[in-house]
Amino acid sequence: MQAIFRWNGLYFGFLRSGRLFDADSNYLGWVDDNGDTWDANGNFVGELIDGSYILRSQLRIPPIPRIPLIPPIPPIPPIPPFNRFGRFPRAGYTDALASFRN
């Protein structure tokens, strides 16, 4: 299990076996071997940064959508970690998790 945070430091959810879940274990998408993140419908979301954040470059042309993966059985949600301190804005990037409700 790998905790995922918003850029402002708030806990968002987690990665388990390359699958992205929110804090309540709702399946949201997946992360491929290159760190690109896709939503459950196969649309590009952003890039996994520093192993804990998903950001979207404003300069990158989004890749074509992928064929969605079969949704996994939701795992039991882990105990949420403490929120982190927010990070300074990264030039040319936005927090890709803003596209998800949470």
Protein backbone atom coordinates (compact mmCIF):
# COMPACT_ATOMS: atom_id res chain seq x y z
CA MET A 1 0.00 0.00 0.00
CA GLN A 2 1.33 3.39 -1.00
CA ALA A 3 -0.36 6.52 0.39
CA ILE A 4 -1.33 9.23 -2.12
CA PHE A 5 -1.65 12.87 -1.10
CA ARG A 6 -2.93 16.01 -2.74
CA TRP A 7 -0.22 18.58 -3.44
CA ASN A 8 -1.57 20.64 -0.53
CA GLY A 9 -0.67 17.75 1.81
CA LEU A 10 -4.13 16.30 2.47
CA TYR A 11 -4.42 12.51 2.35
CA PHE A 12 -6.32 11.41 -0.76
CA GLY A 13 -6.14 7.64 -1.04
CA PHE A 14 -3.71 4.88 -1.86
CA LEU A 15 -2.14 2.70 -4.52
CA ARG A 16 -2.31 -1.05 -4.17
CA SER A 17 -0.83 -3.29 -6.85
CA GLY A 18 -0.75 -0.34 -9.25
CA ARG A 19 -4.44 0.43 -8.74
CA LEU A 20 -5.58 3.82 -7.44
CA PHE A 21 -8.23 3.98 -4.70
CA ASP A 22 -9.64 6.88 -2.74
CA ALA A 23 -9.58 6.87 1.08
CA ASP A 24 -12.81 4.80 1.15
CA SER A 25 -11.39 2.11 -1.20
CA ASN A 26 -13.39 3.24 -4.23
CA TYR A 27 -11.52 2.23 -7.39
CA LEU A 28 -10.47 5.30 -9.39
CA GLY A 29 -7.93 4.02 -11.92
CA TRP A 30 -4.38 2.75 -12.26
CA VAL A 31 -0.75 3.76 -12.59
CA ASP A 32 1.29 2.20 -15.40
CA ASP A 33 4.97 1.23 -15.33
CA ASN A 34 5.98 4.72 -16.54
CA GLY A 35 4.14 6.44 -13.67
CA ASP A 36 1.34 7.70 -15.92
CA THR A 37 -1.99 7.63 -14.12
CA TRP A 38 -5.30 6.75 -15.79
CA ASP A 39 -8.85 6.99 -14.49
CA ALA A 40 -11.21 4.00 -14.41
CA ASN A 41 -12.47 4.90 -17.92
CA GLY A 42 -8.96 4.90 -19.41
CA ASN A 43 -8.50 8.68 -19.59
CA PHE A 44 -5.13 10.20 -18.74
CA VAL A 45 -5.06 11.88 -15.33
CA GLY A 46 -1.42 12.80 -14.71
CA GLU A 47 1.97 11.55 -13.59
CA LEU A 48 2.99 9.93 -10.32
CA ILE A 49 5.50 12.32 -8.73
CA ASP A 50 7.77 11.46 -5.79
CA GLY A 51 5.78 8.27 -5.24
CA SER A 52 3.00 10.05 -3.37
CA TYR A 53 1.50 12.75 -5.60
CA ILE A 54 -0.25 12.81 -8.96
CA LEU A 55 0.36 15.97 -10.96
CA ARG A 56 -0.55 16.97 -14.47
CA SER A 57 1.80 18.92 -16.69
CA GLN A 58 0.14 21.86 -18.39
CA LEU A 59 2.61 21.53 -21.27
CA ARG A 60 2.20 17.80 -21.96
CA ILE A 61 -0.26 16.75 -24.64
CA PRO A 62 -2.45 14.08 -23.03
CA PRO A 63 -1.89 10.62 -24.53
CA ILE A 64 -4.77 8.84 -26.22
CA PRO A 65 -7.14 7.05 -23.83
CA ARG A 66 -6.39 3.44 -22.91
CA ILE A 67 -8.69 0.47 -22.74
CA PRO A 68 -10.00 0.41 -19.15
CA LEU A 69 -8.76 -2.32 -16.85
CA ILE A 70 -11.16 -4.64 -15.09
CA PRO A 71 -11.98 -3.02 -11.74
CA PRO A 72 -10.45 -4.94 -8.83
CA ILE A 73 -12.24 -6.03 -5.71
CA PRO A 74 -11.93 -3.08 -3.32
CA PRO A 75 -9.50 -3.79 -0.48
CA ILE A 76 -10.15 -2.91 3.13
CA PRO A 77 -9.17 0.75 3.50
CA PRO A 78 -5.93 1.25 5.41
CA ILE A 79 -5.69 3.47 8.45
CA PRO A 80 -5.20 6.92 6.94
CA PRO A 81 -1.78 8.44 7.53
CA PHE A 82 -1.41 11.92 8.92
CA ASN A 83 -1.71 14.74 6.44
CA ARG A 84 1.56 16.23 5.24
CA PHE A 85 2.65 19.81 4.90
CA GLY A 86 1.65 21.27 1.55
CA ARG A 87 4.31 21.60 -1.10
CA PHE A 88 5.31 24.71 -2.97
CA PRO A 89 3.67 24.97 -6.39
CA ARG A 90 5.60 23.28 -9.17
CA ALA A 91 5.83 25.48 -12.26
CA GLY A 92 3.76 24.12 -15.14
CA TYR A 93 1.92 21.49 -13.07
CA THR A 94 -1.49 21.21 -11.43
CA ASP A 95 -2.77 18.74 -8.85
CA ALA A 96 -4.36 16.05 -11.02
CA LEU A 97 -6.39 14.71 -8.11
CA ALA A 98 -8.66 17.74 -8.37
CA SER A 99 -10.47 15.83 -11.14
CA PHE A 100 -11.72 13.34 -8.54
CA ARG A 101 -14.33 14.09 -5.88
CA ASN A 102 -12.94 13.61 -2.38
